[in-house]
Amino acid sequence: MNIGLPEILLIAFVVLVLFGAKRIPELARAIGRASVEYRKAKSALASEGKELLAEAEKAAEAEKAAEAEKAAKAEKAEEPSSEAASKG
């Protein structure tokens, strides 16, 4: 489905008739502003998502490190009692 020159001219004529020559620049500006706002919002959401993902990864790493430290402390606490049991 290709749009050729006659179809483009027909669309342009209909727009000109419906909106008038004075309103077309206003409509173009409004569409341009909406496009800029859309891009800003899209980039803001993308950066916010990346920040949240980075924070979640940091929290997961901290939790892993805390669990490893807890396991190491528990292992150290068990060592003396297991040595005493093997000596006795």
C-alpha atoms as a PDB file:
ATOM      1  CA  MET A   1       0.000   0.000   0.000  1.00  0.00           C
ATOM      2  CA  ASN A   2       2.026   2.934  -1.278  1.00  0.00           C
ATOM      3  CA  ILE A   3       0.866   6.506  -1.030  1.00  0.00           C
ATOM      4  CA  GLY A   4       1.644   8.357  -4.218  1.00  0.00           C
ATOM      5  CA  LEU A   5       1.694  12.021  -5.128  1.00  0.00           C
ATOM      6  CA  PRO A   6      -2.017  12.231  -5.994  1.00  0.00           C
ATOM      7  CA  GLU A   7      -3.009  10.820  -2.598  1.00  0.00           C
ATOM      8  CA  ILE A   8      -0.678  13.214  -0.774  1.00  0.00           C
ATOM      9  CA  LEU A   9      -2.091  16.170  -2.679  1.00  0.00           C
ATOM     10  CA  LEU A  10      -5.649  15.050  -1.885  1.00  0.00           C
ATOM     11  CA  ILE A  11      -4.834  14.765   1.826  1.00  0.00           C
ATOM     12  CA  ALA A  12      -3.160  18.195   1.804  1.00  0.00           C
ATOM     13  CA  PHE A  13      -6.194  19.722   0.076  1.00  0.00           C
ATOM     14  CA  VAL A  14      -8.614  18.176   2.590  1.00  0.00           C
ATOM     15  CA  VAL A  15      -6.519  19.437   5.518  1.00  0.00           C
ATOM     16  CA  LEU A  16      -6.377  22.911   3.958  1.00  0.00           C
ATOM     17  CA  VAL A  17     -10.142  22.975   3.468  1.00  0.00           C
ATOM     18  CA  LEU A  18     -10.943  21.642   6.944  1.00  0.00           C
ATOM     19  CA  PHE A  19      -8.546  23.749   8.986  1.00  0.00           C
ATOM     20  CA  GLY A  20      -7.771  26.766   6.822  1.00  0.00           C
ATOM     21  CA  ALA A  21      -4.404  28.235   5.945  1.00  0.00           C
ATOM     22  CA  LYS A  22      -4.026  30.078   9.268  1.00  0.00           C
ATOM     23  CA  ARG A  23      -4.542  27.039  11.512  1.00  0.00           C
ATOM     24  CA  ILE A  24      -2.138  24.671   9.725  1.00  0.00           C
ATOM     25  CA  PRO A  25       1.043  26.259  11.225  1.00  0.00           C
ATOM     26  CA  GLU A  26      -0.580  26.177  14.677  1.00  0.00           C
ATOM     27  CA  LEU A  27      -1.379  22.490  14.255  1.00  0.00           C
ATOM     28  CA  ALA A  28       2.158  21.764  13.086  1.00  0.00           C
ATOM     29  CA  ARG A  29       3.598  23.554  16.138  1.00  0.00           C
ATOM     30  CA  ALA A  30       1.284  21.655  18.469  1.00  0.00           C
ATOM     31  CA  ILE A  31       2.282  18.338  16.901  1.00  0.00           C
ATOM     32  CA  GLY A  32       5.956  19.299  17.225  1.00  0.00           C
ATOM     33  CA  ARG A  33       5.559  20.211  20.895  1.00  0.00           C
ATOM     34  CA  ALA A  34       3.710  16.982  21.605  1.00  0.00           C
ATOM     35  CA  SER A  35       6.478  15.026  19.905  1.00  0.00           C
ATOM     36  CA  VAL A  36       9.142  16.744  22.031  1.00  0.00           C
ATOM     37  CA  GLU A  37       7.183  16.103  25.234  1.00  0.00           C
ATOM     38  CA  TYR A  38       6.749  12.449  24.278  1.00  0.00           C
ATOM     39  CA  ARG A  39      10.493  12.038  23.732  1.00  0.00           C
ATOM     40  CA  LYS A  40      11.274  13.725  27.062  1.00  0.00           C
ATOM     41  CA  ALA A  41       8.855  11.495  28.936  1.00  0.00           C
ATOM     42  CA  LYS A  42      10.167   8.405  27.188  1.00  0.00           C
ATOM     43  CA  SER A  43      13.785   9.177  28.052  1.00  0.00           C
ATOM     44  CA  ALA A  44      12.848  10.063  31.646  1.00  0.00           C
ATOM     45  CA  LEU A  45      11.059   6.747  32.098  1.00  0.00           C
ATOM     46  CA  ALA A  46      13.953   4.844  30.557  1.00  0.00           C
ATOM     47  CA  SER A  47      16.511   6.497  32.848  1.00  0.00           C
ATOM     48  CA  GLU A  48      14.291   5.950  35.890  1.00  0.00           C
ATOM     49  CA  GLY A  49      13.966   2.283  34.991  1.00  0.00           C
ATOM     50  CA  LYS A  50      17.736   1.940  34.676  1.00  0.00           C
ATOM     51  CA  GLU A  51      18.220   3.615  38.067  1.00  0.00           C
ATOM     52  CA  LEU A  52      15.701   1.294  39.722  1.00  0.00           C
ATOM     53  CA  LEU A  53      17.365  -1.739  38.158  1.00  0.00           C
ATOM     54  CA  ALA A  54      20.791  -0.597  39.393  1.00  0.00           C
ATOM     55  CA  GLU A  55      19.423  -0.059  42.908  1.00  0.00           C
ATOM     56  CA  ALA A  56      17.825  -3.506  42.915  1.00  0.00           C
ATOM     57  CA  GLU A  57      21.083  -5.105  41.785  1.00  0.00           C
ATOM     58  CA  LYS A  58      23.009  -3.288  44.542  1.00  0.00           C
ATOM     59  CA  ALA A  59      20.487  -4.418  47.138  1.00  0.00           C
ATOM     60  CA  ALA A  60      20.713  -8.013  45.924  1.00  0.00           C
ATOM     61  CA  GLU A  61      24.514  -7.923  46.086  1.00  0.00           C
ATOM     62  CA  ALA A  62      24.416  -6.462  49.601  1.00  0.00           C
ATOM     63  CA  GLU A  63      21.977  -9.145  50.706  1.00  0.00           C
ATOM     64  CA  LYS A  64      24.203 -11.851  49.232  1.00  0.00           C
ATOM     65  CA  ALA A  65      27.237 -10.423  51.001  1.00  0.00           C
ATOM     66  CA  ALA A  66      25.356 -10.290  54.313  1.00  0.00           C
ATOM     67  CA  GLU A  67      24.249 -13.903  53.917  1.00  0.00           C
ATOM     68  CA  ALA A  68      27.811 -14.991  53.118  1.00  0.00           C
ATOM     69  CA  GLU A  69      29.118 -13.124  56.155  1.00  0.00           C
ATOM     70  CA  LYS A  70      26.438 -14.689  58.351  1.00  0.00           C
ATOM     71  CA  ALA A  71      27.294 -18.145  57.046  1.00  0.00           C
ATOM     72  CA  ALA A  72      30.998 -17.548  57.695  1.00  0.00           C
ATOM     73  CA  LYS A  73      30.271 -16.455  61.281  1.00  0.00           C
ATOM     74  CA  ALA A  74      28.086 -19.499  61.839  1.00  0.00           C
ATOM     75  CA  GLU A  75      30.807 -21.740  60.451  1.00  0.00           C
ATOM     76  CA  LYS A  76      33.390 -20.182  62.784  1.00  0.00           C
ATOM     77  CA  ALA A  77      31.054 -20.633  65.740  1.00  0.00           C
ATOM     78  CA  GLU A  78      30.606 -24.340  64.929  1.00  0.00           C
ATOM     79  CA  GLU A  79      34.332 -25.088  64.554  1.00  0.00           C
ATOM     80  CA  PRO A  80      35.287 -25.020  68.261  1.00  0.00           C
ATOM     81  CA  SER A  81      32.361 -27.232  69.280  1.00  0.00           C
ATOM     82  CA  SER A  82      33.107 -29.769  66.541  1.00  0.00           C
ATOM     83  CA  GLU A  83      36.785 -29.886  67.587  1.00  0.00           C
ATOM     84  CA  ALA A  84      35.787 -30.449  71.205  1.00  0.00           C
ATOM     85  CA  ALA A  85      33.475 -33.261  70.208  1.00  0.00           C
ATOM     86  CA  SER A  86      36.154 -34.971  68.127  1.00  0.00           C
ATOM     87  CA  LYS A  87      38.709 -34.716  71.006  1.00  0.00           C
ATOM     88  CA  GLY A  88      36.357 -36.129  73.575  1.00  0.00           C
END
